[in-house]
Amino acid sequence: MRRLLLAVLGVAAMTVACGSDPLADTSWQQEFALDECDLQASGRSEFFVLEPGFQIVLEGGSERVAITVLDETRTIDGVVTRVIEEREWKNNELIEISRNFFAICESTGDTFYFGEDVDDFAGGEIVGHGGAWLAGEGEARAGLIMPGNPSVGMRYYQEIAPGVALDRAEVISLDETLTTPAGTFSDALKTEETSGLKNERDFKTYARGIGLIQDEALLLVEYGFVSG
């Protein structure tokens, strides 16, 4: 997910440039024993809501992002996943719609990411599909978007699609306090999110019972269940 998931560490980018496989770094978890999970298309954990109708909206500068859990599922790599739609605007112009596919492990609360369809827009027209991938196609497989029981120091791949998306996250705090236009949240989770493909780094904050409340300059302005 392009707002839920981004970025990269400079050292990793140098490694890729030298021809090494970033997945060879075993300090980042990339195996999740999905066959041992009772994967569900609906549910919630402490920091991730996967229930139809739930929506969060973030704004910052000229950007606005709306992330909505749809009343829609799609089977990806043999798993029934929930569709989360993400719409992104810049200067009031729609620039991207992505449809992201998730399932939650009933026993652990771990939420897994099975890929995304992406439409990039310019002038109201679709101009590309950058970053799209699906688990089960080629070497792509599901990653962990949010652990059900996170702890500081956890490092895990969120997207595993070699050559397309290798986003990953490290939990760096569980006691953040952040004030947003939607309120002040304490005991929040903070991650440093990187990738094996780009020389970028992204910090995000997640509130209990809500999910993402900050992505760099974007801050939560609205959250809750919507109809229609």
Foldseek 3Di string as FASTA:
>chain_A
DDQLFDAAAPVLQVCVVVPDDSVVPVLADEDDPCVVFPWAQADAAFFDHRHAQWWWWWDFDQKIKIKGFHPDWDQAPNDTWTWIWMWMDGNNHTFKIKIWTWIAGPPWRWIKTFWIFMFGDDPRDTDDTALGDGAPPDPWHIWTSDTRDDDAQHKYFRTDDPPGWGKIKGWHAQFDWDQFLCGIAGSKIKIWMHGSHDNTIWIFITGTPFHTADTPRIGTNDIDGDDD
